[in-house]
Protein backbone atom coordinates (compact mmCIF):
# COMPACT_ATOMS: atom_id res chain seq x y z
CA MET A 1 -46.40 -60.43 15.19
CA GLN A 2 -48.25 -62.40 13.14
CA CYS A 3 -51.05 -60.74 10.62
CA ARG A 4 -53.99 -62.49 10.03
CA ALA A 5 -57.05 -61.75 7.47
CA VAL A 6 -60.53 -61.24 8.49
CA ARG A 7 -62.90 -63.26 5.98
CA PRO A 8 -66.07 -61.67 4.86
CA GLY A 9 -68.33 -63.94 6.63
CA THR A 10 -66.90 -62.99 10.35
CA ALA A 11 -66.17 -59.48 9.74
CA ARG A 12 -67.72 -57.48 12.65
CA ARG A 13 -69.45 -54.73 11.14
CA GLN A 14 -69.85 -50.91 12.90
CA GLN A 15 -71.63 -48.12 12.04
CA HIS A 16 -70.25 -45.15 10.83
CA PRO A 17 -70.64 -42.03 13.75
CA GLY A 18 -73.11 -39.78 12.26
CA HIS A 19 -74.04 -41.90 9.11
CA PRO A 20 -76.28 -44.49 10.32
CA ASP A 21 -76.34 -45.72 6.68
CA ARG A 22 -72.90 -45.99 6.07
CA TRP A 23 -70.82 -49.11 6.96
CA ARG A 24 -67.09 -48.38 7.53
CA ALA A 25 -64.89 -50.47 5.66
CA LEU A 26 -63.53 -53.83 6.84
CA ARG A 27 -60.26 -53.77 8.59
CA LEU A 28 -57.27 -56.09 9.61
CA ARG A 29 -56.94 -57.41 13.33
CA PHE A 30 -54.10 -57.98 14.63
CA ARG A 31 -53.35 -60.97 17.04
CA ARG A 32 -50.48 -60.76 19.44
CA PRO A 33 -48.73 -63.62 21.00
CA GLN A 34 -49.78 -64.33 24.82
CA GLY A 35 -47.27 -62.92 27.03
CA ALA A 36 -45.97 -60.22 24.57
CA ARG A 37 -46.11 -56.47 24.84
CA ALA A 38 -48.92 -54.55 23.37
CA ALA A 39 -48.23 -53.94 20.24
CA ARG A 40 -48.94 -50.39 18.45
CA PRO A 41 -51.36 -50.00 15.83
CA LEU A 42 -49.60 -51.06 11.97
CA VAL A 43 -50.43 -48.84 9.32
CA LEU A 44 -49.68 -49.91 6.11
CA PRO A 45 -49.13 -47.62 3.13
CA CYS A 46 -50.41 -49.86 0.94
CA ARG A 47 -54.16 -51.97 0.12
CA ALA A 48 -54.60 -55.10 1.35
CA GLU A 49 -56.66 -57.57 -0.51
CA LEU A 50 -58.30 -60.57 1.58
CA GLY A 51 -57.01 -64.40 0.55
CA CYS A 52 -56.04 -67.60 2.30
CA PRO A 53 -52.68 -67.74 4.18
CA ALA A 54 -51.82 -70.05 1.56
CA ALA A 55 -52.46 -67.83 -1.22
CA LEU A 56 -50.05 -65.23 0.41
CA ARG A 57 -47.42 -64.29 -2.00
CA ARG A 58 -45.64 -61.25 -3.29
CA ARG A 59 -46.59 -59.32 -6.76
CA ALA A 60 -44.58 -57.30 -8.52
CA ALA A 61 -45.54 -53.17 -8.72
CA PRO A 62 -46.23 -52.85 -11.98
CA ARG A 63 -44.12 -50.21 -13.97
CA GLY A 64 -44.95 -46.55 -12.79
CA GLU A 65 -46.67 -47.22 -9.26
CA ARG A 66 -45.30 -47.53 -6.13
CA PRO A 67 -44.12 -50.57 -4.82
CA ARG A 68 -46.81 -51.96 -2.15
CA LEU A 69 -47.39 -54.85 -0.23
CA GLU A 70 -50.49 -57.12 -0.89
CA LEU A 71 -52.24 -59.64 0.89
CA HIS A 72 -54.60 -60.82 -1.84
CA ASP A 73 -56.43 -64.33 -3.49
CA PRO A 74 -56.40 -63.53 -7.07
CA ALA A 75 -59.32 -66.23 -7.36
CA ARG A 76 -61.67 -64.00 -5.33
CA GLN A 77 -62.83 -60.54 -5.50
CA HIS A 78 -63.27 -59.08 -2.50
CA HIS A 79 -60.68 -56.45 -1.69
CA VAL A 80 -60.13 -54.05 1.07
CA GLU A 81 -59.22 -50.38 -0.10
CA ARG A 82 -58.86 -47.16 1.54
CA ARG A 83 -61.76 -45.13 1.92
CA ASP A 84 -61.72 -41.25 0.39
CA ARG A 85 -63.36 -38.74 2.57
CA ARG A 86 -66.54 -37.87 0.60
CA CYS A 87 -69.94 -39.43 1.14
CA GLY A 88 -70.33 -42.80 -0.72
CA PRO A 89 -70.20 -46.29 -0.07
CA ALA A 90 -67.67 -47.40 2.18
CA ILE A 91 -66.15 -49.96 0.17
CA ARG A 92 -64.93 -49.08 -3.17
CA HIS A 93 -64.17 -51.40 -5.75
CA ALA A 94 -60.11 -51.65 -7.32
CA SER A 95 -61.33 -52.12 -10.99
CA GLY A 96 -61.93 -48.40 -12.84
CA THR A 97 -59.93 -45.99 -14.19
CA ARG A 98 -60.50 -43.26 -10.78
CA ARG A 99 -58.99 -45.88 -8.54
CA HIS A 100 -56.05 -43.68 -7.80
CA HIS A 101 -57.46 -40.36 -7.58
CA LEU A 102 -59.16 -38.32 -4.64
CA HIS A 103 -61.96 -36.12 -4.31
CA ARG A 104 -59.63 -32.90 -4.77
CA PHE A 105 -58.07 -34.35 -7.92
CA ARG A 106 -61.06 -34.59 -10.01
CA GLY A 107 -60.40 -33.62 -13.48
CA ARG A 108 -56.93 -33.37 -12.95
CA ARG A 109 -54.08 -35.69 -14.32
CA ALA A 110 -53.12 -38.02 -10.70
CA PRO A 111 -49.90 -37.32 -9.04
CA ALA A 112 -47.03 -39.24 -10.16
CA GLN A 113 -46.22 -42.18 -7.71
CA ARG A 114 -43.05 -41.47 -5.67
CA GLN A 115 -40.04 -44.04 -6.08
CA ARG A 116 -38.77 -44.71 -2.89
CA ASP A 117 -35.57 -47.29 -2.48
CA VAL A 118 -36.71 -49.15 0.17
CA ASP A 119 -36.44 -52.97 0.39
CA GLN A 120 -39.24 -54.77 -0.46
CA ARG A 121 -40.76 -57.78 1.58
CA ASP A 122 -42.37 -60.80 0.95
CA VAL A 123 -44.40 -62.59 3.42
CA ARG A 124 -44.49 -66.68 3.22
CA GLY A 125 -45.53 -68.64 5.74
CA GLY A 126 -45.11 -66.42 8.92
CA ARG A 127 -41.93 -65.08 8.07
CA ALA A 128 -40.09 -61.79 6.21
CA ARG A 129 -37.60 -62.07 3.67
CA SER A 130 -35.96 -59.09 2.49
CA ASP A 131 -35.52 -58.70 -1.41
CA HIS A 132 -32.94 -55.95 -2.67
CA ARG A 133 -34.26 -56.18 -6.11
CA GLY A 134 -30.66 -55.02 -7.25
CA LEU A 135 -31.07 -54.17 -10.97
CA GLU A 136 -34.52 -52.17 -10.35
CA ARG A 137 -33.15 -50.89 -7.04
CA HIS A 138 -29.47 -49.62 -8.91
CA ALA A 139 -31.49 -48.70 -12.09
CA ARG A 140 -33.60 -46.41 -9.93
CA ARG A 141 -30.78 -44.90 -8.35
CA GLY A 142 -29.08 -44.78 -11.55
CA ILE A 143 -31.80 -42.69 -13.09
CA ARG A 144 -32.16 -40.20 -9.91
CA ARG A 145 -28.54 -40.16 -10.30
CA GLU A 146 -28.35 -38.81 -13.40
CA ALA A 147 -31.15 -36.25 -13.70
CA LEU A 148 -29.20 -35.00 -10.40
CA ALA A 149 -26.09 -34.55 -12.24
CA ARG A 150 -28.14 -33.05 -15.42
CA HIS A 151 -29.67 -30.54 -13.06
CA ALA A 152 -26.06 -29.64 -11.34
CA GLY A 153 -24.82 -29.31 -14.47
CA ARG A 154 -27.38 -26.49 -15.61
CA ALA A 155 -26.89 -24.77 -12.61
CA ARG A 156 -23.35 -24.69 -12.46
CA CYS A 157 -23.52 -23.40 -16.05
CA ALA A 158 -25.74 -20.60 -15.14
CA VAL A 159 -23.50 -19.92 -12.16
CA GLU A 160 -20.44 -19.72 -14.23
CA ARG A 161 -22.07 -17.57 -17.02
CA SER A 162 -23.18 -15.00 -14.51
CA LEU A 163 -19.74 -15.13 -13.18
CA HIS A 164 -18.22 -14.82 -16.76
CA GLY A 165 -20.56 -11.70 -17.07
CA GLU A 166 -19.32 -10.12 -13.85
CA SER A 167 -15.62 -10.69 -14.26
CA ALA A 168 -15.96 -8.61 -17.39
CA HIS A 169 -16.21 -5.44 -15.53
CA ARG A 170 -13.89 -7.08 -12.22
CA ARG A 171 -11.25 -8.31 -13.69
CA ASP A 172 -8.67 -8.28 -10.60
CA VAL A 173 -11.21 -9.44 -8.18
CA SER A 174 -11.59 -13.76 -8.05
CA LEU A 175 -15.16 -14.60 -7.86
CA GLY A 176 -14.69 -18.21 -6.63
CA ARG A 177 -14.43 -19.56 -10.55
CA ASP A 178 -12.90 -23.02 -10.84
CA PRO A 179 -9.51 -22.64 -10.97
CA ARG A 180 -8.64 -25.09 -13.57
CA ARG A 181 -10.80 -23.10 -16.24
CA GLU A 182 -8.92 -19.89 -15.64
CA ILE A 183 -6.49 -18.22 -17.77
CA ALA A 184 -3.16 -18.05 -16.97
CA ARG A 185 -1.92 -14.69 -16.76
CA PRO A 186 1.55 -13.74 -17.02
CA VAL A 187 2.77 -12.07 -14.06
CA SER A 188 4.77 -8.95 -14.76
CA PRO A 189 8.18 -8.92 -14.17
CA PRO A 190 9.89 -6.42 -11.39
CA VAL A 191 11.33 -3.50 -12.45
CA ARG A 192 15.10 -3.14 -12.27
CA VAL A 193 16.54 -0.38 -11.09
CA ALA A 194 20.33 0.00 -11.12
CA VAL A 195 21.94 2.86 -8.40
CA VAL A 196 24.63 4.95 -10.34
CA GLY A 197 26.70 6.36 -7.22
CA ALA A 198 27.23 5.25 -3.72
CA GLY A 199 27.10 8.39 -1.97
CA ALA A 200 25.14 9.58 1.29
CA ILE A 201 22.18 10.40 -0.71
CA ALA A 202 22.09 6.77 -1.96
CA GLN A 203 23.00 4.71 1.29
CA VAL A 204 20.16 6.83 3.36
CA ALA A 205 17.37 7.45 0.98
CA HIS A 206 17.52 5.39 -2.13
CA LEU A 207 18.29 1.90 -1.76
CA PRO A 208 16.72 1.85 2.00
CA VAL A 209 13.31 2.65 0.04
CA LEU A 210 13.79 0.33 -3.44
CA ARG A 211 14.54 -1.94 -0.93
CA LYS A 212 11.18 -2.25 0.54
CA LEU A 213 9.09 -1.47 -2.57
CA PRO A 214 7.13 -4.10 -3.92
CA GLY A 215 7.63 -4.87 -7.31
CA VAL A 216 11.11 -3.46 -7.47
CA GLU A 217 14.62 -5.12 -7.67
CA VAL A 218 17.88 -3.41 -7.34
CA SER A 219 19.87 -4.75 -10.37
CA ALA A 220 23.51 -3.47 -9.70
CA ILE A 221 25.46 -0.86 -7.56
CA CYS A 222 27.69 1.20 -9.92
CA ASP A 223 30.18 3.39 -7.99
CA ASN A 224 34.24 4.36 -8.97
CA ASP A 225 35.00 2.88 -5.58
CA VAL A 226 34.31 -0.64 -5.85
CA SER A 227 35.25 -1.70 -2.45
CA LYS A 228 32.45 1.00 -1.02
CA ALA A 229 29.67 -0.62 -4.10
CA GLN A 230 30.44 -4.13 -2.67
CA ALA A 231 29.51 -3.25 0.84
CA LEU A 232 26.42 -1.54 -0.39
CA ALA A 233 25.53 -4.57 -2.49
CA ALA A 234 25.98 -6.95 0.68
CA ARG A 235 24.39 -4.87 2.83
CA PHE A 236 21.28 -4.47 0.67
CA GLU A 237 21.80 -7.69 -1.10
CA VAL A 238 22.09 -6.66 -4.38
CA LYS A 239 23.97 -9.67 -6.93
CA ASP A 240 25.94 -6.82 -9.32
CA THR A 241 28.22 -4.46 -8.81
CA PHE A 242 30.03 -2.12 -11.40
CA ASP A 243 32.65 0.44 -11.52
CA ASP A 244 31.55 1.91 -14.88
CA ILE A 245 28.38 3.04 -15.82
CA GLU A 246 28.77 1.89 -19.24
CA GLU A 247 29.40 -1.66 -17.68
CA VAL A 248 25.84 -1.27 -15.89
CA LEU A 249 24.21 -0.31 -18.73
CA ARG A 250 25.17 -3.09 -20.92
CA HIS A 251 25.18 -5.82 -18.36
CA SER A 252 22.30 -5.55 -16.01
CA HIS A 253 19.54 -5.39 -18.08
CA SER A 254 17.99 -2.58 -16.11
CA ASP A 255 14.82 -0.46 -16.70
CA ALA A 256 15.79 2.72 -15.13
CA VAL A 257 18.42 3.90 -13.44
CA ALA A 258 18.76 6.36 -10.08
CA ILE A 259 21.29 9.10 -10.79
CA CYS A 260 23.68 9.60 -7.22
CA THR A 261 26.76 11.16 -8.72
CA PRO A 262 28.14 14.03 -8.30
CA ASN A 263 26.62 17.15 -10.10
CA HIS A 264 28.81 17.74 -12.68
CA LEU A 265 28.56 13.98 -13.87
CA HIS A 266 24.37 14.10 -13.69
CA GLU A 267 23.83 15.62 -17.38
CA ILE A 268 26.23 12.82 -18.84
CA HIS A 269 25.11 9.87 -16.99
CA ALA A 270 21.41 10.82 -17.17
CA VAL A 271 21.62 11.14 -21.35
CA ALA A 272 23.71 7.82 -21.46
CA ALA A 273 21.21 5.82 -19.55
CA LEU A 274 18.10 7.26 -21.87
CA ALA A 275 20.40 6.60 -25.27
CA ALA A 276 20.52 2.59 -23.51
CA GLY A 277 16.71 2.60 -23.07
CA CYS A 278 16.52 3.08 -19.17
CA HIS A 279 14.52 5.80 -17.67
CA VAL A 280 16.22 8.14 -15.51
CA LEU A 281 15.52 9.59 -11.93
CA CYS A 282 18.18 11.82 -11.35
CA GLU A 283 19.13 13.59 -8.13
CA ARG A 284 18.93 17.37 -8.23
CA PRO A 285 20.37 19.39 -10.26
CA LEU A 286 19.39 17.79 -13.65
CA ALA A 287 22.58 19.44 -15.26
CA LEU A 288 24.78 22.48 -14.17
CA THR A 289 23.97 24.46 -16.95
CA LEU A 290 20.51 25.86 -18.75
CA ALA A 291 21.67 24.48 -21.36
CA GLY A 292 22.68 21.10 -19.94
CA VAL A 293 19.10 20.90 -18.74
CA GLU A 294 18.11 21.14 -22.27
CA ARG A 295 20.49 18.61 -23.58
CA VAL A 296 18.79 16.25 -21.15
CA LEU A 297 15.17 17.06 -21.95
CA GLN A 298 15.94 16.47 -25.50
CA ALA A 299 17.25 13.52 -25.35
CA SER A 300 14.58 11.96 -23.30
CA GLU A 301 12.17 12.98 -26.45
CA LYS A 302 14.94 11.13 -28.91
CA TYR A 303 14.80 7.90 -26.89
CA GLY A 304 11.22 7.97 -25.49
CA LYS A 305 12.40 7.24 -21.93
CA ARG A 306 10.93 9.15 -18.91
CA VAL A 307 13.70 11.75 -16.84
CA MET A 308 12.37 13.02 -13.61
CA VAL A 309 14.25 15.22 -11.16
CA GLY A 310 14.65 13.97 -7.48
CA MET A 311 12.50 17.03 -5.79
CA ASN A 312 11.47 15.03 -3.02
CA HIS A 313 9.70 17.75 -0.89
CA ARG A 314 7.22 17.95 -3.54
CA PHE A 315 5.78 14.56 -2.06
CA ARG A 316 5.79 15.32 1.59
CA SER A 317 2.50 14.38 3.03
CA ASP A 318 2.57 17.69 5.05
CA VAL A 319 3.30 19.72 1.82
CA GLN A 320 0.31 17.67 -0.10
CA ALA A 321 -2.02 19.21 2.60
CA VAL A 322 -0.74 22.60 2.24
CA ARG A 323 -1.49 22.45 -1.19
CA GLY A 324 -4.76 21.33 -1.24
CA PHE A 325 -5.56 23.87 1.18
CA LEU A 326 -4.16 26.55 -1.22
CA ALA A 327 -6.30 24.67 -4.27
CA GLY A 328 -9.61 24.69 -2.14
CA GLY A 329 -8.79 28.69 -1.59
CA ASP A 330 -8.73 28.28 2.16
CA LEU A 331 -5.72 30.61 2.53
CA GLY A 332 -6.96 33.01 0.30
CA VAL A 333 -4.47 34.33 -2.54
CA LEU A 334 -0.70 33.28 -2.02
CA GLN A 335 1.16 36.60 -1.21
CA ALA A 336 4.89 35.31 0.52
CA ILE A 337 6.88 32.26 0.78
CA ARG A 338 8.92 32.66 4.25
CA SER A 339 11.45 29.32 3.81
CA GLY A 340 15.13 28.55 5.55
CA TRP A 341 17.36 25.01 6.26
CA TYR A 342 19.95 25.35 8.62
CA THR A 343 22.76 21.99 8.71
CA PHE A 344 25.85 21.19 10.45
CA GLN A 345 28.02 19.55 7.57
CA PRO A 346 31.58 17.93 8.71
CA SER A 347 35.05 19.72 8.24
CA ARG A 348 35.77 21.18 5.25
CA GLN A 349 38.37 18.73 4.54
CA GLN A 350 35.65 15.80 4.43
CA LEU A 351 33.13 17.21 2.35
CA GLY A 352 35.75 16.64 -0.98
CA TRP A 353 34.04 17.31 -4.58
CA ARG A 354 31.36 19.69 -2.59
CA LEU A 355 33.81 21.97 -2.05
CA ARG A 356 34.74 22.52 -5.60
CA ARG A 357 32.47 24.88 -7.47
CA GLN A 358 33.58 23.36 -10.88
CA GLU A 359 32.05 20.06 -9.81
CA ALA A 360 29.70 20.77 -7.33
CA GLY A 361 28.25 24.00 -9.61
CA GLY A 362 27.75 25.58 -6.05
CA GLY A 363 27.66 25.64 -2.27
CA ALA A 364 24.89 25.76 0.34
CA PHE A 365 22.12 27.54 -1.90
CA LEU A 366 22.42 24.98 -4.31
CA ASP A 367 22.17 21.98 -1.96
CA LEU A 368 19.62 23.07 0.06
CA GLY A 369 17.84 26.50 -1.55
CA LEU A 370 17.26 24.33 -4.80
CA GLN A 371 14.75 22.55 -3.23
CA LEU A 372 13.24 25.28 -1.05
CA LEU A 373 12.92 27.42 -4.33
CA ASP A 374 11.09 24.97 -6.27
CA LEU A 375 8.72 24.03 -3.71
CA GLY A 376 7.85 27.79 -3.43
CA LEU A 377 7.48 27.90 -7.33
CA TRP A 378 5.91 24.96 -7.62
CA LEU A 379 2.96 25.58 -4.57
CA ALA A 380 2.85 29.23 -6.07
CA GLY A 381 1.97 27.76 -9.57
CA TRP A 382 5.06 28.92 -11.31
CA PRO A 383 4.37 32.38 -11.82
CA ALA A 384 7.35 34.50 -13.58
CA PRO A 385 10.01 35.71 -11.76
CA LYS A 386 10.43 39.63 -11.85
CA ARG A 387 13.09 40.41 -9.85
CA VAL A 388 16.01 38.42 -7.63
CA ALA A 389 18.14 39.85 -5.15
CA ALA A 390 20.90 37.29 -3.15
CA HIS A 391 24.03 37.52 -0.87
CA MET A 392 26.25 34.76 -0.02
CA VAL A 393 29.10 34.23 2.73
CA GLY A 394 31.83 32.28 1.60
CA GLN A 395 31.64 32.21 -2.24
CA SER A 396 35.34 32.64 -4.10
CA LYS A 397 35.85 31.91 -8.15
CA ASP A 398 36.66 28.09 -7.23
CA SER A 399 35.20 27.49 -3.34
CA VAL A 400 31.28 27.69 -2.64
CA GLU A 401 28.96 29.02 -0.26
CA GLY A 402 28.58 28.42 3.35
CA MET A 403 25.58 30.44 3.87
CA ALA A 404 23.24 32.48 1.79
CA THR A 405 20.07 34.44 1.49
CA ALA A 406 18.07 35.03 -1.45
CA LEU A 407 15.12 36.77 -2.20
CA VAL A 408 12.59 36.33 -5.78
CA VAL A 409 10.01 38.69 -6.03
CA CYS A 410 7.40 37.40 -8.93
CA GLU A 411 5.24 39.43 -11.25
CA ASN A 412 1.86 38.65 -9.63
CA GLY A 413 3.44 40.00 -6.59
CA VAL A 414 4.54 37.00 -4.78
CA SER A 415 7.65 37.11 -2.87
CA ILE A 416 9.66 33.92 -2.00
CA SER A 417 12.66 34.07 0.66
CA MET A 418 15.34 31.35 1.04
CA ASP A 419 17.98 31.54 3.83
CA VAL A 420 20.25 28.60 3.91
CA SER A 421 23.45 27.49 6.22
CA TRP A 422 25.90 24.62 6.38
CA ARG A 423 27.41 25.46 9.57
CA HIS A 424 24.39 25.74 11.68
CA LEU A 425 25.73 25.75 15.50
CA GLY A 426 22.80 24.94 17.49
CA ALA A 427 21.09 21.90 19.14
CA ALA A 428 19.76 20.64 16.26
CA GLU A 429 19.13 21.08 12.19
CA ARG A 430 16.03 23.93 11.42
CA PHE A 431 13.89 23.97 8.61
CA TRP A 432 10.49 25.73 8.27
CA PHE A 433 8.52 26.61 5.17
CA ASP A 434 5.47 29.37 5.92
CA LEU A 435 3.01 30.27 3.32
CA VAL A 436 0.93 33.46 4.14
CA GLY A 437 -2.48 34.23 2.12
CA THR A 438 -5.07 36.59 1.91
CA LYS A 439 -7.57 34.57 4.26
CA GLY A 440 -4.85 32.18 6.09
CA SER A 441 -1.34 30.88 6.91
CA ALA A 442 0.34 27.45 6.89
CA THR A 443 3.26 26.12 8.22
CA VAL A 444 5.26 22.97 7.40
CA GLN A 445 7.24 20.63 9.48
CA PRO A 446 5.23 20.61 11.24
CA LEU A 447 2.03 20.92 9.64
CA ARG A 448 -0.12 23.89 10.97
CA VAL A 449 -3.08 25.47 9.32
CA PHE A 450 -4.66 28.91 10.63
CA LYS A 451 -7.98 30.58 8.69
CA GLU A 452 -9.75 33.93 9.79
CA ALA A 453 -13.50 33.36 10.58
CA HIS A 454 -15.73 35.87 11.63
CA GLY A 455 -12.81 38.48 12.65
CA THR A 456 -11.02 35.89 14.65
CA VAL A 457 -8.15 32.91 14.26
CA VAL A 458 -9.22 29.65 13.75
CA ASP A 459 -7.14 26.61 14.23
CA ALA A 460 -7.95 24.74 10.78
CA THR A 461 -4.84 21.86 10.95
CA PRO A 462 -5.89 18.59 9.62
CA THR A 463 -6.12 16.13 12.89
CA GLY A 464 -5.30 12.05 12.00
CA ALA A 465 -3.35 9.48 12.15
CA THR A 466 0.37 9.83 11.60
CA GLY A 467 2.88 7.87 9.94
CA ARG A 468 6.01 5.96 11.86
CA GLU A 469 8.03 7.42 9.23
CA THR A 470 10.14 10.37 8.88
CA PRO A 471 9.07 13.21 6.49
CA PHE A 472 12.65 12.43 5.25
CA ALA A 473 11.51 8.63 4.32
CA GLN A 474 8.24 9.26 3.28
CA SER A 475 9.19 11.65 0.54
CA TYR A 476 11.26 9.24 -1.15
CA ARG A 477 9.37 6.52 -0.89
CA ALA A 478 6.43 8.65 -2.37
CA GLU A 479 8.71 10.24 -5.29
CA TRP A 480 9.86 6.39 -5.93
CA THR A 481 5.81 5.17 -6.17
CA TYR A 482 5.05 8.05 -8.56
CA PHE A 483 8.25 7.53 -10.73
CA LEU A 484 7.17 4.01 -10.88
CA ALA A 485 3.72 4.37 -11.87
CA VAL A 486 5.42 7.10 -14.55
CA ILE A 487 7.53 4.71 -16.47
CA LYS A 488 4.55 1.74 -16.13
CA GLY A 489 2.15 4.43 -18.34
CA ASP A 490 -0.33 4.34 -15.14
CA VAL A 491 0.51 8.32 -14.41
CA ASN A 492 0.57 10.85 -17.64
CA ALA A 493 3.12 13.01 -16.23
CA PRO A 494 4.38 15.92 -18.63
CA PRO A 495 7.83 16.63 -19.55
CA PRO A 496 10.00 18.44 -16.44
CA ARG A 497 10.40 21.08 -18.69
CA ASP A 498 9.50 23.50 -15.11
CA GLN A 499 13.03 22.41 -15.10
CA LEU A 500 14.03 25.42 -17.26
CA ALA A 501 12.85 28.26 -15.42
CA LEU A 502 13.93 26.79 -12.02
CA HIS A 503 17.15 27.01 -13.52
CA ARG A 504 16.73 30.35 -14.80
CA VAL A 505 16.24 31.93 -11.20
CA LEU A 506 19.08 29.60 -10.06
CA ASP A 507 21.68 31.06 -12.37
CA ALA A 508 20.33 34.61 -11.53
CA VAL A 509 20.95 33.66 -7.70
CA TYR A 510 24.27 33.52 -8.26
CA ARG A 511 24.81 36.53 -10.48
CA SER A 512 23.31 38.54 -8.29
CA ALA A 513 25.57 37.32 -5.41
CA ASP A 514 28.52 37.57 -7.76
CA GLU A 515 27.56 41.23 -8.72
CA GLY A 516 26.39 42.20 -5.87
CA ARG A 517 23.13 43.94 -6.98
CA ASP A 518 19.45 42.81 -8.19
CA VAL A 519 18.86 41.30 -11.28
CA LEU A 520 15.97 41.74 -13.58
CA LEU A 521 14.39 38.84 -15.38
């Protein structure tokens, strides 16, 4: 397509519609070659100056203006310009200070010309040539990139300042900050736990739970039977085994020790572990005598380490629910607790040290009844016992009881009864724990809660999904979770001085059974 300029002498004039005294601005006419398709109107985003074809050439746009395509003759003064929308002459001269202004910008500063990275074209002799204007174009792009970089930098700094202020309140939540600018925080090492004693309670309770707890590493297993310790170590993927607790405390670099040895060794092993700088989780009982319990507590205070007794029934989910009902007053004032536990133990030849009173300290009541007594006194708020009565079967000076019944009456009127047996010949193990209050009652395993409302009994048992764990496994997992929180300082637990009150009642139970009378406390 060729572009032809219309000379002033031959330009056709047309009257502006609606304005007889106005003339339409001179405009360009385009001539298409014969046989070509009809060309669409060409709109030039520029101004055009009249000139002869021989004088057509490119003129560089002044700095600060938008590049435009001009057809001009510098020797002539006739111009064709874009017309504004005001009433006035159709043709305005290019000279003057207001030639860049439109009507709506009168009295304001002229808007800045947009800089666009477009190719400029020269029209010479009817042909067009691309001129990329390399240095100028790259300079313009460099300015734009620099401005964008400054803008992005300011935005990024503002966002980082905002995130830094927010992270002061939420230090444990990642807010998407640049990981290269994050301050590296040391990862806390796992808590190393040594298990002393490879008996039944370590095999079925402690080691399975410790293996699954996050942030815990079983550092060693100790037992006087090395082959048993090595078998358990291979089963639970423990590296070190020992047959002496002194070697464990010296070489295993443990943070805590689980005491699962026979009852008469609990006091000795707990004090040794506390003196070595380890926290202690000791299976019940903490000691065989009241004086032994006092010595362990004094060692804990002396060496600044925590000691805890493994009363796992406190951590059962159903027991925690009952405790909530008691604390909320839904059951009224607690009046009585009725509990029992029947199990079947193997023949007496297989019980070993548990049948020797000097090593075990007691039989079925110390094994089963002590947990029920602790749970009853704990839920009742540790009332002061006033009278204890007990009867045992199979007890002698050197042997332990296989069955026992005990009743503890407290000063506030609460009574706690316990019935235990190692020789239950029945379909399955039996366990019950019932609480009676002035407004309701509750049962543990299974959890049932009943209250009185408007003269009728209402079932207030909480409903919801239950886990797959047995109450036994769940209680030990919760117990270890609590103990780890205590030694890390996340929970401020008081020293277990309630064990002193518990052992006073325990001594009264055995004294009542030995003497055949009630014991007043």
